[in-house]
Amino acid sequence: MLSPLFLVPVLGLAFPPISSLVFFLVYYLSAISSMPEFYHIFYAQSSILPGVFVWLAYGLCLSIPWAIARLLRVSKGLQLLAGTLPSLFPPLYFLGAVSPLFSAGILFPGTGLSGILLFLILQVLTLHLVASSITNFNTRSHPAVFFGISVLAGISLILNLSAPTPSPPPGWTAIDTTGQPRSLIRRTPWEIRLAKEVLHRLNQGDRVILLPEGVAEFWSGPALPFPWSTVEQTARLHHATVLVGSEIPVGSVGRVWDDSLVQLGKERRNFPARQPIPLAGWNPFSRSHHELSHWFRTGVYRIGDRRSEVSICFEDILIGPHFWGTLLGHPDMIVSVDNLWFSKGTSDRSIQSVSVRSFGRLLGVPVLRAVNQ
């Protein structure tokens, strides 16, 4: 599904500047085409027009780095790097949504960050071919380019034939949920039923249990509300770990929050999102609700006996947090959680799953994922 995407920057940068902008804009608007619908559902809007505006604005934001890169009077290879690199650095992580770099996990599985380098080299060589073909390209004059592409294609084939599919460790399990109620009256019984399922899994011997993003109502203070206090006590008794998605207030005003994965068990810890979704989460100008960003955290934590990168919601489709988490944190597992109640019937669900699993494939590490749908 993702492997053809390596051609997106190649083709886009081969066009003249205006055509290049249109090409990238069409690609990104297609990739995030579900945004108007789930924006409409998330905010319970009577009109879909605000979602359409956000969709067009975000698509334009994603396209601008490539449009600027195309205008640079440098080689095509440097244009490619100029369009790629901004999304790897905060606060521009959001520019890495649906990045073609995720295709590196499909083409060069198990190679880690060196696979991204191989991927970029393949793109540069292919871009050289495409750009040269526009100006009376002679295949005999570029044997080194063809040789390089052939070698990389051979490496990709060998890696795909030999790459294993790692599974989560024994005793690690994820519980998906559906139909999370929005009203508090209906939500409490729903959380109690979920907690009973967790207690059952603990009694069955599971060591690490992962729950989706935001399944527990907002927590404040050191004391956990029922039923999660019971879950924590039982997890501690069984020397197990339960990972629960919740929002944790920062300060006493009630405006600023951390979108977190909370570890319950022997030790309680908060693993906050590095980049919450803009507007709906990360919105420093909002007077009512703002989720903090933690750009300079690796997102890698010791969970059980594994070094796990925690990927929360929007981070699944961002290449930057995964890149720095791998470079600085050296994870041997990825733990992914989402709350996608607002995206029923859209492509957003599959995009997030495919993206984070592709990065796990690049690293050659298992991905454990829990989703509320």
Protein backbone atom coordinates (compact mmCIF):
# COMPACT_ATOMS: atom_id res chain seq x y z
CA MET A 1 0.00 0.00 0.00
CA LEU A 2 2.74 2.49 0.95
CA SER A 3 5.59 1.42 -1.35
CA PRO A 4 4.46 3.44 -4.42
CA LEU A 5 4.47 6.59 -2.28
CA PHE A 6 8.24 6.88 -2.63
CA LEU A 7 7.47 8.23 -6.12
CA VAL A 8 5.40 11.17 -4.81
CA PRO A 9 8.34 13.56 -4.17
CA VAL A 10 10.12 12.19 -7.24
CA LEU A 11 7.28 13.06 -9.60
CA GLY A 12 6.34 16.27 -7.82
CA LEU A 13 9.83 17.77 -8.00
CA ALA A 14 10.15 16.88 -11.69
CA PHE A 15 7.31 19.26 -12.61
CA PRO A 16 7.62 23.04 -13.10
CA PRO A 17 7.02 25.03 -9.87
CA ILE A 18 3.29 25.74 -10.29
CA SER A 19 2.54 22.21 -11.47
CA SER A 20 4.65 20.88 -8.59
CA LEU A 21 2.55 22.77 -6.02
CA VAL A 22 -0.66 21.47 -7.60
CA PHE A 23 0.69 17.91 -7.63
CA PHE A 24 1.64 17.93 -3.94
CA LEU A 25 -1.58 19.69 -2.98
CA VAL A 26 -3.65 17.03 -4.75
CA TYR A 27 -1.63 14.25 -3.07
CA TYR A 28 -2.02 15.63 0.45
CA LEU A 29 -5.67 16.58 0.06
CA SER A 30 -6.36 13.04 -1.15
CA ALA A 31 -4.42 11.53 1.76
CA ILE A 32 -6.37 13.56 4.35
CA SER A 33 -9.68 13.55 2.47
CA SER A 34 -11.54 12.26 5.54
CA MET A 35 -10.74 15.42 7.54
CA PRO A 36 -13.93 17.41 6.70
CA GLU A 37 -16.12 14.52 7.80
CA PHE A 38 -14.45 13.69 11.09
CA TYR A 39 -14.02 17.40 11.92
CA HIS A 40 -17.77 17.73 11.40
CA ILE A 41 -18.44 14.76 13.73
CA PHE A 42 -15.85 15.71 16.37
CA TYR A 43 -17.18 19.23 16.84
CA ALA A 44 -20.85 18.30 16.20
CA GLN A 45 -21.04 21.02 13.58
CA SER A 46 -24.30 21.65 11.75
CA SER A 47 -22.28 22.60 8.66
CA ILE A 48 -19.41 20.73 7.06
CA LEU A 49 -17.86 23.96 5.73
CA PRO A 50 -15.51 24.59 8.72
CA GLY A 51 -14.09 21.10 8.21
CA VAL A 52 -13.59 21.78 4.50
CA PHE A 53 -11.70 24.96 5.36
CA VAL A 54 -9.43 23.12 7.84
CA TRP A 55 -8.87 20.36 5.27
CA LEU A 56 -7.80 22.83 2.56
CA ALA A 57 -5.62 24.80 4.97
CA TYR A 58 -3.82 21.72 6.28
CA GLY A 59 -3.31 20.32 2.78
CA LEU A 60 -1.74 23.63 1.78
CA CYS A 61 0.53 23.59 4.87
CA LEU A 62 1.75 20.10 3.99
CA SER A 63 2.44 21.15 0.38
CA ILE A 64 4.28 24.42 1.07
CA PRO A 65 7.68 22.87 2.07
CA TRP A 66 7.77 21.02 -1.24
CA ALA A 67 6.71 24.10 -3.20
CA ILE A 68 9.51 26.12 -1.58
CA ALA A 69 12.01 23.31 -2.19
CA ARG A 70 11.07 23.25 -5.88
CA LEU A 71 11.88 26.95 -6.18
CA LEU A 72 15.41 26.54 -4.81
CA ARG A 73 18.17 26.88 -7.40
CA VAL A 74 19.97 23.74 -6.27
CA SER A 75 20.22 20.16 -7.47
CA LYS A 76 17.15 17.91 -7.43
CA GLY A 77 18.68 15.86 -4.64
CA LEU A 78 19.02 18.92 -2.41
CA GLN A 79 15.47 19.94 -3.30
CA LEU A 80 14.33 16.52 -2.11
CA LEU A 81 16.13 16.96 1.21
CA ALA A 82 14.80 20.50 1.59
CA GLY A 83 11.23 19.24 1.22
CA THR A 84 11.77 16.28 3.55
CA LEU A 85 13.78 17.62 6.48
CA PRO A 86 11.43 20.27 7.98
CA SER A 87 8.98 17.60 9.16
CA LEU A 88 11.71 15.98 11.27
CA PHE A 89 12.07 18.94 13.62
CA PRO A 90 9.70 20.44 16.20
CA PRO A 91 7.55 22.48 16.11
CA LEU A 92 7.08 21.41 12.48
CA TYR A 93 6.29 17.77 13.27
CA PHE A 94 2.78 18.31 11.90
CA LEU A 95 4.27 18.73 8.40
CA GLY A 96 5.25 15.05 8.47
CA ALA A 97 1.70 13.72 8.30
CA VAL A 98 1.29 10.88 5.75
CA SER A 99 4.96 11.32 4.84
CA PRO A 100 6.29 9.18 1.95
CA LEU A 101 9.18 8.34 4.32
CA PHE A 102 6.92 5.73 5.94
CA SER A 103 7.41 3.73 2.73
CA ALA A 104 10.96 3.03 3.90
CA GLY A 105 9.51 0.37 6.19
CA ILE A 106 7.95 -1.39 3.21
CA LEU A 107 11.01 -1.23 0.96
CA PHE A 108 13.78 -1.76 3.53
CA PRO A 109 12.32 -3.67 6.51
CA GLY A 110 14.48 -4.32 9.54
CA THR A 111 17.18 -1.81 8.59
CA GLY A 112 16.34 0.85 11.19
CA LEU A 113 17.16 4.47 10.45
CA SER A 114 19.70 3.38 7.84
CA GLY A 115 16.65 2.27 5.85
CA ILE A 116 15.56 5.92 5.64
CA LEU A 117 18.98 6.78 4.20
CA LEU A 118 18.67 3.97 1.63
CA PHE A 119 15.17 5.20 0.84
CA LEU A 120 16.37 8.78 0.25
CA ILE A 121 19.21 7.56 -1.98
CA LEU A 122 16.70 5.56 -4.03
CA GLN A 123 14.50 8.64 -4.34
CA VAL A 124 17.43 10.83 -5.45
CA LEU A 125 18.52 8.33 -8.11
CA THR A 126 14.98 7.88 -9.38
CA LEU A 127 14.44 11.64 -9.42
CA HIS A 128 17.60 11.99 -11.48
CA LEU A 129 16.19 9.55 -14.04
CA VAL A 130 12.79 11.22 -14.19
CA ALA A 131 14.21 14.73 -14.48
CA SER A 132 16.71 13.67 -17.13
CA SER A 133 14.07 11.90 -19.20
CA ILE A 134 12.31 15.23 -19.65
CA THR A 135 15.43 16.63 -21.37
CA ASN A 136 16.23 13.94 -23.97
CA PHE A 137 17.45 11.38 -21.50
CA ASN A 138 20.00 8.90 -22.90
CA THR A 139 20.08 5.68 -20.88
CA ARG A 140 23.66 4.88 -21.97
CA SER A 141 25.00 8.07 -20.42
CA HIS A 142 23.87 7.19 -16.90
CA PRO A 143 25.00 3.61 -16.17
CA ALA A 144 25.88 4.47 -12.56
CA VAL A 145 22.32 5.64 -11.88
CA PHE A 146 20.83 2.45 -13.28
CA PHE A 147 23.35 0.36 -11.36
CA GLY A 148 22.52 2.15 -8.10
CA ILE A 149 18.78 1.69 -8.56
CA SER A 150 19.29 -1.98 -9.45
CA VAL A 151 21.39 -2.58 -6.34
CA LEU A 152 18.85 -0.91 -4.06
CA ALA A 153 16.00 -2.81 -5.71
CA GLY A 154 17.90 -6.05 -5.11
CA ILE A 155 18.53 -5.15 -1.47
CA SER A 156 14.84 -4.36 -1.03
CA LEU A 157 13.83 -7.69 -2.56
CA ILE A 158 16.20 -9.68 -0.34
CA LEU A 159 15.10 -7.82 2.79
CA ASN A 160 11.42 -8.40 2.03
CA LEU A 161 11.97 -12.10 1.41
CA SER A 162 13.91 -12.57 4.65
CA ALA A 163 12.34 -10.03 7.03
CA PRO A 164 10.56 -11.66 9.98
CA THR A 165 7.26 -10.40 11.38
CA PRO A 166 7.95 -9.87 15.09
CA SER A 167 5.10 -10.45 17.52
CA PRO A 168 4.55 -8.79 20.91
CA PRO A 169 6.12 -10.66 23.83
CA PRO A 170 4.08 -13.40 25.53
CA GLY A 171 1.74 -11.92 28.11
CA TRP A 172 1.42 -8.57 26.32
CA THR A 173 -2.09 -7.90 25.06
CA ALA A 174 -4.23 -5.04 23.76
CA ILE A 175 -7.95 -4.52 24.30
CA ASP A 176 -9.84 -2.64 21.59
CA THR A 177 -13.06 -0.88 22.53
CA THR A 178 -16.10 0.40 20.68
CA GLY A 179 -18.86 2.91 21.28
CA GLN A 180 -17.21 5.00 23.98
CA PRO A 181 -20.03 7.15 25.45
CA ARG A 182 -19.53 10.90 25.51
CA SER A 183 -21.99 11.58 28.35
CA LEU A 184 -20.81 11.03 31.93
CA ILE A 185 -23.99 9.15 32.92
CA ARG A 186 -23.41 6.45 30.32
CA ARG A 187 -19.64 6.56 30.53
CA THR A 188 -19.24 5.28 34.10
CA PRO A 189 -20.95 1.90 33.46
CA TRP A 190 -18.94 1.62 30.23
CA GLU A 191 -15.65 2.12 32.11
CA ILE A 192 -16.71 -0.42 34.75
CA ARG A 193 -17.33 -3.05 32.06
CA LEU A 194 -13.93 -2.31 30.54
CA ALA A 195 -12.24 -2.55 33.95
CA LYS A 196 -13.88 -5.95 34.51
CA GLU A 197 -12.36 -7.16 31.24
CA VAL A 198 -8.95 -5.93 32.39
CA LEU A 199 -9.32 -7.70 35.75
CA HIS A 200 -10.24 -10.90 33.92
CA ARG A 201 -7.12 -10.64 31.77
CA LEU A 202 -4.96 -10.03 34.84
CA ASN A 203 -6.36 -13.11 36.52
CA GLN A 204 -5.62 -15.07 33.34
CA GLY A 205 -1.94 -14.18 33.70
CA ASP A 206 -1.40 -11.32 31.23
CA ARG A 207 1.62 -9.23 32.25
CA VAL A 208 1.08 -6.03 30.24
CA ILE A 209 -2.40 -4.89 29.15
CA LEU A 210 -2.81 -1.96 26.77
CA LEU A 211 -6.01 0.10 26.56
CA PRO A 212 -6.84 2.78 23.95
CA GLU A 213 -6.32 6.51 24.18
CA GLY A 214 -8.77 8.43 26.36
CA VAL A 215 -10.81 5.48 27.65
CA ALA A 216 -10.63 6.74 31.25
CA GLU A 217 -12.39 9.96 32.21
CA PHE A 218 -10.20 12.92 33.16
CA TRP A 219 -8.08 12.13 36.21
CA SER A 220 -6.95 14.66 38.80
CA GLY A 221 -5.09 14.28 42.05
CA PRO A 222 -3.06 11.31 43.29
CA ALA A 223 -6.10 9.16 44.12
CA LEU A 224 -7.56 7.16 41.24
CA PRO A 225 -11.35 7.02 40.82
CA PHE A 226 -13.24 3.74 40.83
CA PRO A 227 -12.90 1.37 38.97
CA TRP A 228 -9.30 2.18 38.05
CA SER A 229 -8.17 2.15 41.67
CA THR A 230 -9.21 -1.52 41.79
CA VAL A 231 -7.38 -2.19 38.52
CA GLU A 232 -4.21 -0.63 39.91
CA GLN A 233 -4.37 -2.69 43.12
CA THR A 234 -4.94 -5.92 41.18
CA ALA A 235 -2.13 -5.15 38.73
CA ARG A 236 0.22 -4.51 41.63
CA LEU A 237 -0.85 -7.79 43.27
CA HIS A 238 -0.10 -9.73 40.06
CA HIS A 239 3.17 -7.86 39.37
CA ALA A 240 1.60 -6.74 36.10
CA THR A 241 1.22 -3.47 34.21
CA VAL A 242 -1.93 -1.85 32.82
CA LEU A 243 -1.60 1.04 30.37
CA VAL A 244 -4.68 3.29 30.33
CA GLY A 245 -5.31 6.27 28.06
CA SER A 246 -6.55 9.37 29.88
CA GLU A 247 -6.14 13.14 30.03
CA ILE A 248 -4.24 14.49 33.02
CA PRO A 249 -4.78 18.11 34.12
CA VAL A 250 -1.71 20.33 34.41
CA GLY A 251 -2.16 22.90 37.16
CA SER A 252 -5.45 23.78 38.81
CA VAL A 253 -7.17 25.93 36.16
CA GLY A 254 -8.55 23.03 34.13
CA ARG A 255 -7.54 24.48 30.76
CA VAL A 256 -4.21 22.73 30.20
CA TRP A 257 -3.96 18.94 29.92
CA ASP A 258 -1.62 16.12 29.00
CA ASP A 259 -2.97 13.52 26.60
CA SER A 260 -1.32 10.58 28.33
CA LEU A 261 -0.92 6.88 28.55
CA VAL A 262 -0.92 6.12 32.29
CA GLN A 263 0.96 3.14 33.66
CA LEU A 264 -0.77 1.38 36.55
CA GLY A 265 0.88 -1.32 38.61
CA LYS A 266 3.95 -1.41 40.79
CA GLU A 267 4.77 2.16 39.71
CA ARG A 268 2.35 4.77 38.38
CA ARG A 269 3.78 6.87 35.55
CA ASN A 270 2.44 9.23 32.89
CA PHE A 271 3.62 8.96 29.30
CA PRO A 272 2.38 12.17 27.60
CA ALA A 273 1.93 12.69 23.87
CA ARG A 274 4.82 14.49 22.21
CA GLN A 275 2.60 16.12 19.57
CA PRO A 276 -1.17 16.22 20.19
CA ILE A 277 -3.35 16.88 17.17
CA PRO A 278 -3.53 20.63 16.39
CA LEU A 279 -6.75 22.53 17.13
CA ALA A 280 -8.62 19.57 18.67
CA GLY A 281 -5.80 19.01 21.18
CA TRP A 282 -2.74 21.23 20.89
CA ASN A 283 -4.18 24.75 20.84
CA PRO A 284 -2.21 27.24 22.98
CA PHE A 285 -4.59 30.05 22.00
CA SER A 286 -7.70 28.26 23.28
CA ARG A 287 -9.26 29.56 26.48
CA SER A 288 -10.99 26.28 27.27
CA HIS A 289 -8.79 23.30 26.32
CA HIS A 290 -5.13 22.95 25.40
CA GLU A 291 -3.04 19.76 25.38
CA LEU A 292 0.65 20.30 25.98
CA SER A 293 3.29 19.23 23.50
CA HIS A 294 6.44 17.46 24.69
CA TRP A 295 8.64 17.92 21.65
CA PHE A 296 11.91 17.11 23.35
CA ARG A 297 10.91 13.79 24.87
CA THR A 298 11.91 10.63 23.04
CA GLY A 299 8.63 8.93 23.91
CA VAL A 300 10.62 5.79 24.81
CA TYR A 301 10.07 4.29 28.26
CA ARG A 302 10.88 1.10 30.10
CA ILE A 303 7.61 -0.86 30.23
CA GLY A 304 7.96 -4.32 31.69
CA ASP A 305 11.16 -5.72 30.22
CA ARG A 306 10.96 -3.69 27.00
CA ARG A 307 12.06 -0.26 25.83
CA SER A 308 8.81 0.85 24.24
CA GLU A 309 8.11 3.92 22.15
CA VAL A 310 4.67 5.25 23.09
CA SER A 311 2.79 6.62 20.07
CA ILE A 312 -0.46 8.41 20.90
CA CYS A 313 -3.07 9.22 18.23
CA PHE A 314 -1.74 11.91 15.85
CA GLU A 315 1.85 10.75 16.41
CA ASP A 316 1.10 7.55 14.48
CA ILE A 317 1.19 9.43 11.16
CA LEU A 318 4.08 11.80 12.00
CA ILE A 319 7.55 10.76 10.91
CA GLY A 320 9.42 13.25 13.16
CA PRO A 321 8.56 11.85 16.62
CA HIS A 322 9.30 8.30 15.44
CA PHE A 323 12.63 9.39 13.95
CA TRP A 324 13.91 11.07 17.12
CA GLY A 325 12.44 8.39 19.36
CA THR A 326 14.46 5.80 17.47
CA LEU A 327 17.64 7.85 17.20
CA LEU A 328 17.78 8.81 20.88
CA GLY A 329 15.67 6.16 22.63
CA HIS A 330 16.51 2.93 20.78
CA PRO A 331 13.12 1.23 21.28
CA ASP A 332 12.67 -2.50 20.83
CA MET A 333 8.87 -2.18 20.66
CA ILE A 334 6.18 0.33 19.68
CA VAL A 335 3.04 0.82 21.77
CA SER A 336 0.32 2.67 19.85
CA VAL A 337 -3.02 3.94 21.17
CA ASP A 338 -5.82 5.80 19.41
CA ASN A 339 -9.32 7.07 20.08
CA LEU A 340 -11.06 7.17 16.69
CA TRP A 341 -14.71 7.37 17.71
CA PHE A 342 -15.14 10.38 15.41
CA SER A 343 -13.71 8.75 12.27
CA LYS A 344 -16.19 5.94 11.65
CA GLY A 345 -16.40 5.14 7.96
CA THR A 346 -13.36 7.23 7.00
CA SER A 347 -9.89 6.29 5.77
CA ASP A 348 -8.21 7.86 8.81
CA ARG A 349 -8.31 4.61 10.78
CA SER A 350 -6.37 2.61 8.22
CA ILE A 351 -3.85 5.41 7.57
CA GLN A 352 -2.82 5.56 11.23
CA SER A 353 -2.51 1.80 11.55
CA VAL A 354 -0.55 1.38 8.32
CA SER A 355 1.82 4.25 9.15
CA VAL A 356 2.81 3.13 12.65
CA ARG A 357 3.07 -0.52 11.63
CA SER A 358 5.26 0.45 8.67
CA PHE A 359 7.66 2.24 11.01
CA GLY A 360 7.69 -0.80 13.28
CA ARG A 361 8.56 -2.88 10.21
CA LEU A 362 11.40 -0.50 9.39
CA LEU A 363 12.85 -1.05 12.88
CA GLY A 364 12.06 -4.77 12.89
CA VAL A 365 10.20 -4.45 16.21
CA PRO A 366 6.71 -5.58 17.24
CA VAL A 367 3.83 -3.10 17.37
CA LEU A 368 1.12 -3.45 20.02
CA ARG A 369 -1.87 -1.28 19.22
CA ALA A 370 -5.16 -0.55 21.03
CA VAL A 371 -7.95 1.49 19.43
CA ASN A 372 -11.33 2.81 20.52
CA GLN A 373 -13.59 2.83 17.47
